[in-house]
Amino acid sequence: MARGKRRDVREVIEDIIGAIESSPKKMKRVLLKTLLKECGFAAKTKERADMLMRMFQEAGITVNPDIREAGREDWIVLTRIEPPIPQTDYAAQLPVQELAGPEVDTWFDELAVRTFESEKEVEIRFILPLLERLGYTDEDRADGFPVEIYEGVKKATKEADFVLFDGPNRSKENALLIIEAKGPGRKLADYIGQARTYAIWLGTPYYLVTNADELRVFLYRSPYESDVEVFNSTRQNLKAGFRQLYNLISKQAVIEYKRQRTGSRALET
C-alpha cells in the first residue's frame, strides 16, 4: 500500500465499514499503531490524526478515544452509528463567558485537585456544576427519578440518580440523559448495566456513569445492539476534554440528536 495517499485511506475505511457491518456488535477494535500502519503512516502527526478523524466522521464512524488524543499503543474502538452523531461544534457557538469553559473557568482546575469523600459530595460538588456548564437547568433535572422496569416477569421501581429532561415535562419523549453517580473508588464497570437499564425504559440517547475520578458516557442504541462508549475521561483531564463532552451531551446537542434519531426511526417504520 502506498504511503500517505488519501485513496488508500479511503480503502482502509471501506474495509473497516465492512468489518463493522459483519460484526454482531457493530464495532471494530484496533490498536492505533496498527490502524496507522494500515493507512500507510509510519507515525502519528497532528495533520494525519485530524484527517483520519474527519474521514471517519464523514463515513459515520464514531472513534473512541479520539485519535488526536490517543497514544500509539492505545486501543481504538470504531463504531458505525445510524443516524450518526452530529458533528456540530456547539461549544463554538457560545460566547466564552457563557460557555464558562476551561478558558475562563477556574472550576476545572479546582476540580482536578479536589478530594471527594462520599457519593453525595460527588453529586453536589461534581455533577451539579458540570450539568450547569452543559446547559441544563434545575427545571430540566429530576433527582432520584423513579423508573419502572421489569425484573423477569415482575414489575419493579428503581431510582435513577439523575434524569435530565427538556424542561419540566417528565415524559419519556422529553428524556435526554441519565446519570448514575457513585462514591469515590467505586468500580464504574459494575454500574454500567444499571444505567443502561434505565436508558432502555426511558429511551434516553445517552447515559453517564461517574465516581468523580472517572467519567464515562455511553450512547444507547437499542435493547438488541451493544452500546457505544463515546467519552471517557479522568477528572484531571476533563478540562482538556470538555469541548468534546459539550458537543456530545450538552442540552442542545442531545435535543438535536434525539430529534434526528426519532425522525430516522419514524422513516424506518
Protein backbone atom coordinates (compact mmCIF):
# COMPACT_ATOMS: atom_id res chain seq x y z
CA MET A 1 0.00 0.00 0.00
CA ALA A 2 1.47 3.37 -1.00
CA ARG A 3 2.13 5.56 1.99
CA GLY A 4 0.11 8.71 2.59
CA LYS A 5 -2.30 8.52 -0.36
CA ARG A 6 -5.82 9.52 0.58
CA ARG A 7 -7.30 6.91 -1.76
CA ASP A 8 -5.59 4.18 0.22
CA VAL A 9 -7.00 5.59 3.46
CA ARG A 10 -10.49 5.53 1.98
CA GLU A 11 -9.98 1.89 1.03
CA VAL A 12 -8.98 1.15 4.63
CA ILE A 13 -12.11 2.90 5.89
CA GLU A 14 -14.28 0.94 3.46
CA ASP A 15 -12.74 -2.27 4.78
CA ILE A 16 -13.42 -1.13 8.34
CA ILE A 17 -17.05 -0.38 7.49
CA GLY A 18 -17.37 -3.90 6.10
CA ALA A 19 -15.85 -5.39 9.23
CA ILE A 20 -18.18 -3.34 11.45
CA GLU A 21 -21.28 -4.31 9.48
CA SER A 22 -20.39 -8.01 9.68
CA SER A 23 -19.75 -7.83 13.43
CA PRO A 24 -22.63 -8.78 15.78
CA LYS A 25 -21.70 -5.83 18.00
CA LYS A 26 -21.39 -3.44 15.03
CA MET A 27 -17.93 -2.31 16.11
CA LYS A 28 -14.23 -2.95 15.49
CA ARG A 29 -11.37 -2.70 17.99
CA VAL A 30 -7.86 -1.99 16.71
CA LEU A 31 -4.53 -0.73 18.07
CA LEU A 32 -3.85 2.80 16.89
CA LYS A 33 -0.37 1.83 15.67
CA THR A 34 -1.95 -0.94 13.57
CA LEU A 35 -4.51 1.47 12.12
CA LEU A 36 -1.78 3.94 11.24
CA LYS A 37 0.26 1.21 9.56
CA GLU A 38 -2.74 0.04 7.52
CA CYS A 39 -3.20 3.63 6.34
CA GLY A 40 0.46 3.82 5.28
CA PHE A 41 1.59 6.11 8.11
CA ALA A 42 4.83 5.42 9.94
CA ALA A 43 3.99 7.92 12.67
CA LYS A 44 1.04 9.88 14.03
CA THR A 45 1.11 13.58 13.28
CA LYS A 46 -1.49 16.26 14.02
CA GLU A 47 -2.31 16.55 10.33
CA ARG A 48 -2.79 12.80 9.92
CA ALA A 49 -4.86 12.48 13.10
CA ASP A 50 -7.08 15.40 12.02
CA MET A 51 -7.52 13.85 8.57
CA LEU A 52 -8.42 10.41 9.93
CA MET A 53 -10.94 11.84 12.40
CA ARG A 54 -12.55 13.93 9.67
CA MET A 55 -12.76 10.98 7.28
CA PHE A 56 -14.19 8.66 9.91
CA GLN A 57 -16.78 11.29 10.82
CA GLU A 58 -17.75 11.70 7.16
CA ALA A 59 -18.21 7.92 6.99
CA GLY A 60 -20.48 7.99 10.06
CA ILE A 61 -17.95 6.15 12.22
CA THR A 62 -17.52 7.07 15.88
CA VAL A 63 -13.96 6.82 17.19
CA ASN A 64 -13.19 6.31 20.88
CA PRO A 65 -10.84 7.51 22.17
CA ASP A 66 -10.22 10.41 19.81
CA ILE A 67 -7.22 9.60 17.60
CA ARG A 68 -5.84 13.08 18.27
CA GLU A 69 -5.65 12.31 21.99
CA ALA A 70 -4.73 8.60 21.86
CA GLY A 71 -1.26 7.09 22.05
CA ARG A 72 0.12 4.64 19.52
CA GLU A 73 -0.31 1.73 21.95
CA ASP A 74 -3.95 2.59 22.76
CA TRP A 75 -6.87 0.51 21.54
CA ILE A 76 -9.32 2.40 19.32
CA VAL A 77 -12.96 1.37 19.11
CA LEU A 78 -14.63 2.14 15.76
CA THR A 79 -18.42 2.03 15.60
CA ARG A 80 -20.89 2.93 12.89
CA ILE A 81 -23.99 4.60 14.29
CA GLU A 82 -27.26 5.27 12.48
CA PRO A 83 -28.11 8.07 12.45
CA PRO A 84 -24.56 9.32 13.00
CA ILE A 85 -23.86 11.60 15.95
CA PRO A 86 -23.96 15.21 14.69
CA GLN A 87 -20.51 16.74 14.34
CA THR A 88 -21.69 20.25 15.13
CA ASP A 89 -19.30 22.24 17.32
CA TYR A 90 -21.99 23.52 19.68
CA ALA A 91 -19.37 24.88 22.06
CA ALA A 92 -18.00 27.19 19.38
CA GLN A 93 -21.44 28.80 19.01
CA LEU A 94 -21.41 30.16 22.55
CA PRO A 95 -19.52 33.21 23.81
CA VAL A 96 -16.66 32.17 26.08
CA GLN A 97 -18.27 33.83 29.07
CA GLU A 98 -21.46 31.80 28.52
CA LEU A 99 -19.70 28.53 27.90
CA ALA A 100 -17.75 29.04 31.12
CA GLY A 101 -15.31 26.56 29.67
CA PRO A 102 -11.71 25.81 30.53
CA GLU A 103 -10.51 29.10 29.04
CA VAL A 104 -12.10 31.21 31.78
CA ASP A 105 -13.47 28.81 34.39
CA THR A 106 -11.22 28.00 37.35
CA TRP A 107 -13.64 25.24 38.42
CA PHE A 108 -11.86 22.77 36.14
CA ASP A 109 -8.51 23.45 37.83
CA GLU A 110 -10.04 23.24 41.30
CA LEU A 111 -11.79 20.02 40.32
CA ALA A 112 -8.52 18.39 39.26
CA VAL A 113 -7.07 18.60 42.79
CA ARG A 114 -10.26 18.21 44.85
CA THR A 115 -10.72 15.21 47.15
CA PHE A 116 -14.17 13.64 47.24
CA GLU A 117 -15.28 11.75 50.33
CA SER A 118 -18.77 10.45 49.52
CA GLU A 119 -21.34 9.82 46.80
CA LYS A 120 -23.36 12.81 47.99
CA GLU A 121 -20.32 15.03 47.58
CA VAL A 122 -19.82 13.65 44.06
CA GLU A 123 -23.39 14.66 43.26
CA ILE A 124 -23.20 18.16 44.78
CA ARG A 125 -19.63 19.19 44.02
CA PHE A 126 -19.12 17.48 40.68
CA ILE A 127 -22.31 16.54 38.86
CA LEU A 128 -24.42 19.62 39.57
CA PRO A 129 -21.74 22.14 38.50
CA LEU A 130 -21.00 20.02 35.43
CA LEU A 131 -24.66 19.95 34.40
CA GLU A 132 -24.84 23.71 34.72
CA ARG A 133 -21.88 24.02 32.36
CA LEU A 134 -23.58 21.64 29.94
CA GLY A 135 -26.60 23.94 29.67
CA TYR A 136 -29.08 22.12 31.91
CA THR A 137 -31.23 24.00 34.42
CA ASP A 138 -32.89 22.97 37.69
CA GLU A 139 -36.13 22.71 35.72
CA ASP A 140 -34.57 20.04 33.49
CA ARG A 141 -33.18 17.92 36.32
CA ALA A 142 -35.07 15.17 38.15
CA ASP A 143 -33.18 13.80 41.18
CA GLY A 144 -33.88 10.24 42.34
CA PHE A 145 -36.25 9.76 39.42
CA PRO A 146 -38.44 6.62 39.68
CA VAL A 147 -38.10 4.25 36.72
CA GLU A 148 -40.47 1.32 36.28
CA ILE A 149 -38.67 -1.73 34.93
CA TYR A 150 -39.28 -5.46 34.70
CA GLU A 151 -37.10 -7.93 36.56
CA GLY A 152 -38.12 -11.17 34.91
CA VAL A 153 -41.92 -11.08 34.94
CA LYS A 154 -42.17 -8.76 37.93
CA LYS A 155 -42.54 -5.01 37.67
CA ALA A 156 -40.17 -3.07 39.93
CA THR A 157 -39.49 0.60 40.56
CA LYS A 158 -35.90 1.76 40.76
CA GLU A 159 -34.45 5.23 41.24
CA ALA A 160 -32.06 6.77 38.74
CA ASP A 161 -29.75 9.25 40.48
CA PHE A 162 -30.43 11.95 37.88
CA VAL A 163 -32.55 12.11 34.74
CA LEU A 164 -32.30 15.19 32.55
CA PHE A 165 -35.34 16.30 30.57
CA ASP A 166 -36.08 19.08 28.13
CA GLY A 167 -37.93 21.31 30.58
CA PRO A 168 -40.44 20.37 33.30
CA ASN A 169 -42.32 17.74 31.27
CA ARG A 170 -41.24 14.35 32.70
CA SER A 171 -42.47 12.24 29.79
CA LYS A 172 -40.35 9.63 28.08
CA GLU A 173 -40.41 11.73 24.91
CA ASN A 174 -38.64 14.52 26.80
CA ALA A 175 -35.95 12.38 28.49
CA LEU A 176 -32.43 13.29 27.36
CA LEU A 177 -29.77 11.92 29.67
CA ILE A 178 -29.34 9.54 32.62
CA ILE A 179 -26.60 10.00 35.21
CA GLU A 180 -25.53 7.41 37.77
CA ALA A 181 -23.30 8.82 40.50
CA LYS A 182 -21.13 6.54 42.61
CA GLY A 183 -18.81 7.15 45.51
CA PRO A 184 -15.07 7.66 45.08
CA GLY A 185 -13.22 4.43 44.37
CA ARG A 186 -16.28 2.55 43.14
CA LYS A 187 -15.67 0.48 40.01
CA LEU A 188 -17.81 2.05 37.28
CA ALA A 189 -17.98 -1.14 35.21
CA ASP A 190 -20.23 -2.61 37.92
CA TYR A 191 -22.89 0.07 37.32
CA ILE A 192 -22.96 0.48 33.56
CA GLY A 193 -25.64 -2.20 33.19
CA GLN A 194 -27.81 -0.41 35.75
CA ALA A 195 -27.64 2.87 33.85
CA ARG A 196 -28.28 1.05 30.56
CA THR A 197 -31.44 -0.47 32.02
CA TYR A 198 -32.77 3.00 32.81
CA ALA A 199 -31.93 4.12 29.27
CA ILE A 200 -33.88 1.17 27.85
CA TRP A 201 -37.02 2.12 29.76
CA LEU A 202 -36.73 5.90 29.40
CA GLY A 203 -35.38 6.00 25.85
CA THR A 204 -32.57 8.47 26.52
CA PRO A 205 -29.90 8.65 23.80
CA TYR A 206 -27.09 8.80 26.36
CA TYR A 207 -26.22 7.72 29.86
CA LEU A 208 -23.30 8.82 32.03
CA VAL A 209 -21.65 6.96 34.90
CA THR A 210 -19.14 8.64 37.20
CA ASN A 211 -17.41 8.38 40.57
CA ALA A 212 -15.81 11.84 40.10
CA ASP A 213 -12.42 10.22 39.48
CA GLU A 214 -13.57 8.93 36.09
CA LEU A 215 -16.43 9.90 33.80
CA ARG A 216 -17.81 7.54 31.13
CA VAL A 217 -20.55 8.37 28.61
CA PHE A 218 -22.37 5.77 26.51
CA LEU A 219 -24.65 6.11 23.51
CA TYR A 220 -27.65 3.83 23.95
CA ARG A 221 -28.71 2.30 20.62
CA SER A 222 -31.37 -0.35 21.28
CA PRO A 223 -32.04 -3.36 23.53
CA TYR A 224 -30.56 -5.60 20.83
CA GLU A 225 -27.33 -3.72 20.00
CA SER A 226 -24.22 -3.04 22.02
CA ASP A 227 -23.98 0.49 23.35
CA VAL A 228 -21.09 2.71 22.32
CA GLU A 229 -18.75 4.40 24.76
CA VAL A 230 -18.39 7.86 23.24
CA PHE A 231 -16.46 9.62 26.01
CA ASN A 232 -14.09 8.53 28.76
CA SER A 233 -12.09 10.93 30.89
CA THR A 234 -10.44 11.24 34.25
CA ARG A 235 -11.29 14.22 36.40
CA GLN A 236 -7.80 15.62 35.80
CA ASN A 237 -8.27 15.50 32.01
CA LEU A 238 -11.80 16.89 31.94
CA LYS A 239 -10.59 20.42 31.27
CA ALA A 240 -8.97 19.31 28.02
CA GLY A 241 -11.92 17.14 27.00
CA PHE A 242 -14.77 19.43 27.99
CA ARG A 243 -15.42 20.76 24.49
CA GLN A 244 -15.86 17.18 23.20
CA LEU A 245 -18.17 16.38 26.11
CA TYR A 246 -20.19 19.54 25.50
CA ASN A 247 -20.64 18.69 21.84
CA LEU A 248 -21.96 15.25 22.82
CA ILE A 249 -24.24 15.70 25.83
CA SER A 250 -24.96 19.38 26.30
CA LYS A 251 -28.69 20.02 26.36
CA GLN A 252 -28.82 21.43 22.84
CA ALA A 253 -26.65 18.62 21.44
CA VAL A 254 -28.81 15.85 22.91
CA ILE A 255 -32.06 17.51 21.83
CA GLU A 256 -30.79 17.71 18.26
CA TYR A 257 -29.52 14.14 18.20
CA LYS A 258 -32.73 12.77 19.70
CA ARG A 259 -34.72 14.70 17.09
CA GLN A 260 -32.63 13.18 14.29
CA ARG A 261 -32.83 9.69 15.74
CA THR A 262 -36.58 9.87 16.27
CA GLY A 263 -37.02 11.08 12.68
CA SER A 264 -34.81 8.30 11.37
CA ARG A 265 -36.79 5.62 13.19
CA ALA A 266 -40.07 7.12 12.02
CA LEU A 267 -38.85 6.77 8.45
CA GLU A 268 -37.89 3.15 9.07
CA THR A 269 -41.39 2.29 10.22
